[in-house]
């Protein structure tokens, strides 16, 4: 009896996983796929293993190091987390496309990603810029994320918590 129960649970688990993958594969993305783009970049950069000059600045105090990133997915996590293709956000972004640029903007207060701008040369991304803001009664923050493939990535963050001093953070990685 236990073997049959285990076999049934295993079969249901496999069936459920396959069904989710099929429904995921059939979904057309409405906006630029930030998540997949940075997964591909992470895989590509892991293979070529470039040296990076990374500078971290907190409230104007900076520290700089040369290093090789071992986990590019982790390094790009803040970019990947700004994915605008969430099902609940569908239709919330205004799309503007020109020959070399795509812009996605939202004024919805519940959506922290306010703007995504992609500069392209044909189908190749030349620059990606993401603006994120969060506000509530006690806290406000703003992030500007910039990525130039094989050149630079930058994360600028401004944070203000009520009754505390504002903080600014900047992380810049320059490819050697």
Protein backbone atom coordinates (compact mmCIF):
# COMPACT_ATOMS: atom_id res chain seq x y z
CA UNK A 1 0.00 0.00 0.00
CA UNK A 2 2.83 2.40 0.89
CA UNK A 3 4.58 1.72 -2.43
CA UNK A 4 1.40 2.50 -4.37
CA UNK A 5 0.92 5.71 -2.43
CA UNK A 6 4.51 6.79 -3.05
CA UNK A 7 4.22 5.92 -6.75
CA UNK A 8 0.97 7.91 -7.01
CA UNK A 9 2.50 10.93 -5.26
CA UNK A 10 5.55 10.75 -7.55
CA UNK A 11 3.37 10.53 -10.68
CA UNK A 12 1.24 13.48 -9.58
CA UNK A 13 4.35 15.50 -8.80
CA UNK A 14 5.83 14.81 -12.24
CA UNK A 15 2.54 15.55 -13.97
CA UNK A 16 2.12 18.82 -12.06
CA UNK A 17 5.65 19.97 -12.94
CA UNK A 18 5.20 19.23 -16.62
CA UNK A 19 1.89 21.05 -16.73
CA UNK A 20 3.39 24.20 -15.23
CA UNK A 21 6.25 24.18 -17.71
CA UNK A 22 3.83 23.89 -20.64
CA UNK A 23 1.71 26.80 -19.41
CA UNK A 24 4.84 28.85 -18.80
CA UNK A 25 6.12 28.10 -22.31
CA UNK A 26 2.83 29.18 -23.89
CA UNK A 27 2.87 32.60 -22.23
CA UNK A 28 3.92 35.44 -24.52
CA UNK A 29 5.82 38.19 -22.76
CA UNK A 30 4.36 41.63 -23.21
CA UNK A 31 7.50 43.55 -22.24
CA UNK A 32 11.29 43.25 -22.52
CA UNK A 33 12.38 40.06 -20.72
CA UNK A 34 14.83 41.44 -18.14
CA UNK A 35 15.03 38.18 -16.20
CA UNK A 36 16.03 36.01 -19.19
CA UNK A 37 18.37 38.67 -20.50
CA UNK A 38 20.39 38.74 -17.26
CA UNK A 39 20.38 34.94 -16.99
CA UNK A 40 21.95 34.80 -20.47
CA UNK A 41 24.44 37.51 -19.53
CA UNK A 42 25.36 35.67 -16.33
CA UNK A 43 26.00 32.46 -18.28
CA UNK A 44 28.04 34.29 -20.92
CA UNK A 45 30.14 36.19 -18.37
CA UNK A 46 30.75 33.06 -16.31
CA UNK A 47 32.31 31.49 -19.42
CA UNK A 48 34.60 34.41 -20.29
CA UNK A 49 35.37 35.24 -16.62
CA UNK A 50 36.34 38.92 -17.08
CA UNK A 51 38.26 40.92 -14.51
CA UNK A 52 36.13 43.62 -12.91
CA UNK A 53 37.12 46.81 -11.15
CA UNK A 54 34.36 47.10 -8.56
CA UNK A 55 33.77 50.23 -6.54
CA UNK A 56 31.37 50.43 -3.63
CA UNK A 57 30.47 53.81 -2.18
CA UNK A 58 28.36 54.49 0.91
CA UNK A 59 27.52 58.15 1.61
CA UNK A 60 30.54 59.25 -0.41
CA UNK A 61 33.09 56.88 1.19
CA UNK A 62 34.37 54.59 -1.56
CA UNK A 63 36.36 51.37 -1.73
CA UNK A 64 37.66 49.83 -4.94
CA UNK A 65 38.94 46.33 -5.83
CA UNK A 66 39.89 44.28 -8.86
CA UNK A 67 38.21 40.88 -8.85
CA UNK A 68 36.58 38.13 -10.84
CA UNK A 69 32.90 37.55 -10.12
CA UNK A 70 32.14 33.90 -9.33
CA UNK A 71 28.34 34.16 -9.20
CA UNK A 72 27.03 36.49 -11.91
CA UNK A 73 23.39 35.56 -11.23
CA UNK A 74 23.81 36.83 -7.68
CA UNK A 75 25.64 39.93 -8.94
CA UNK A 76 22.78 40.70 -11.33
CA UNK A 77 19.98 39.73 -8.89
CA UNK A 78 18.80 43.31 -8.39
CA UNK A 79 18.47 43.67 -12.18
CA UNK A 80 16.66 40.33 -12.57
CA UNK A 81 14.30 41.18 -9.70
CA UNK A 82 13.14 44.24 -11.66
CA UNK A 83 11.33 41.93 -14.11
CA UNK A 84 8.25 43.76 -15.42
CA UNK A 85 6.57 40.69 -16.93
CA UNK A 86 4.73 39.70 -13.76
CA UNK A 87 1.20 38.51 -14.47
CA UNK A 88 -0.34 41.02 -12.06
CA UNK A 89 1.46 43.89 -13.83
CA UNK A 90 0.24 43.00 -17.31
CA UNK A 91 -1.02 46.10 -19.08
CA UNK A 92 0.40 48.45 -16.41
CA UNK A 93 3.27 49.76 -18.52
CA UNK A 94 3.14 52.27 -21.35
CA UNK A 95 5.26 50.99 -24.23
CA UNK A 96 7.19 53.31 -26.53
CA UNK A 97 9.32 51.82 -29.28
CA UNK A 98 11.58 53.58 -31.74
CA UNK A 99 14.27 52.29 -34.08
CA UNK A 100 16.94 51.93 -31.39
CA UNK A 101 15.06 52.27 -28.09
CA UNK A 102 12.27 50.64 -26.13
CA UNK A 103 10.77 52.33 -23.07
CA UNK A 104 8.34 50.87 -20.57
CA UNK A 105 6.89 53.26 -17.98
CA UNK A 106 4.37 52.87 -15.18
CA UNK A 107 2.78 55.41 -12.85
CA UNK A 108 1.04 52.74 -10.76
CA UNK A 109 1.85 53.37 -7.08
CA UNK A 110 1.84 49.63 -6.31
CA UNK A 111 4.50 48.86 -8.93
CA UNK A 112 8.02 49.80 -7.79
CA UNK A 113 9.58 49.56 -11.26
CA UNK A 114 8.76 52.91 -12.81
CA UNK A 115 10.79 52.84 -16.00
CA UNK A 116 12.79 50.44 -18.13
CA UNK A 117 14.69 51.81 -21.10
CA UNK A 118 16.50 49.52 -23.52
CA UNK A 119 18.87 50.94 -26.13
CA UNK A 120 19.62 48.53 -28.96
CA UNK A 121 21.69 48.31 -32.09
CA UNK A 122 19.42 46.11 -34.19
CA UNK A 123 18.61 43.26 -31.78
CA UNK A 124 21.70 43.63 -29.57
CA UNK A 125 21.27 45.45 -26.24
CA UNK A 126 23.69 48.37 -25.90
CA UNK A 127 22.32 49.88 -22.68
CA UNK A 128 19.67 48.94 -20.15
CA UNK A 129 18.40 51.41 -17.55
CA UNK A 130 15.88 50.63 -14.81
CA UNK A 131 14.31 53.11 -12.37
CA UNK A 132 12.73 51.73 -9.19
CA UNK A 133 11.02 53.68 -6.39
CA UNK A 134 9.44 52.57 -3.15
CA UNK A 135 7.52 54.85 -0.79
CA UNK A 136 5.45 54.49 2.31
CA UNK A 137 4.82 56.56 5.45
CA UNK A 138 8.15 55.62 7.09
CA UNK A 139 10.44 54.85 4.19
CA UNK A 140 11.38 55.94 0.69
CA UNK A 141 14.01 54.65 -1.68
CA UNK A 142 15.03 55.07 -5.26
CA UNK A 143 17.24 52.82 -7.36
CA UNK A 144 18.80 53.52 -10.73
CA UNK A 145 20.23 50.43 -12.39
CA UNK A 146 22.38 50.80 -15.49
CA UNK A 147 24.01 48.10 -17.58
CA UNK A 148 26.30 48.47 -20.60
CA UNK A 149 27.24 44.95 -21.78
CA UNK A 150 30.99 44.24 -21.51
CA UNK A 151 31.64 47.76 -20.25
CA UNK A 152 29.91 48.76 -17.00
CA UNK A 153 27.10 48.03 -14.59
CA UNK A 154 25.99 50.45 -11.90
CA UNK A 155 23.52 50.39 -9.03
CA UNK A 156 22.68 53.72 -7.41
CA UNK A 157 20.45 53.65 -4.36
CA UNK A 158 19.07 56.48 -2.27
CA UNK A 159 17.31 55.53 0.95
CA UNK A 160 15.51 57.67 3.51
CA UNK A 161 13.98 56.30 6.69
CA UNK A 162 11.95 58.73 8.77
CA UNK A 163 13.90 60.20 11.70
CA UNK A 164 17.22 58.94 10.27
CA UNK A 165 19.72 60.50 7.87
CA UNK A 166 19.41 59.70 4.19
CA UNK A 167 21.87 57.15 2.80
CA UNK A 168 23.24 56.78 -0.68
CA UNK A 169 24.90 53.68 -2.05
CA UNK A 170 26.62 53.19 -5.38
CA UNK A 171 28.05 49.97 -6.75
CA UNK A 172 29.93 50.24 -10.03
CA UNK A 173 31.55 47.38 -11.89
CA UNK A 174 33.83 48.23 -14.80
CA UNK A 175 34.94 45.47 -17.13
CA UNK A 176 38.72 45.39 -17.77
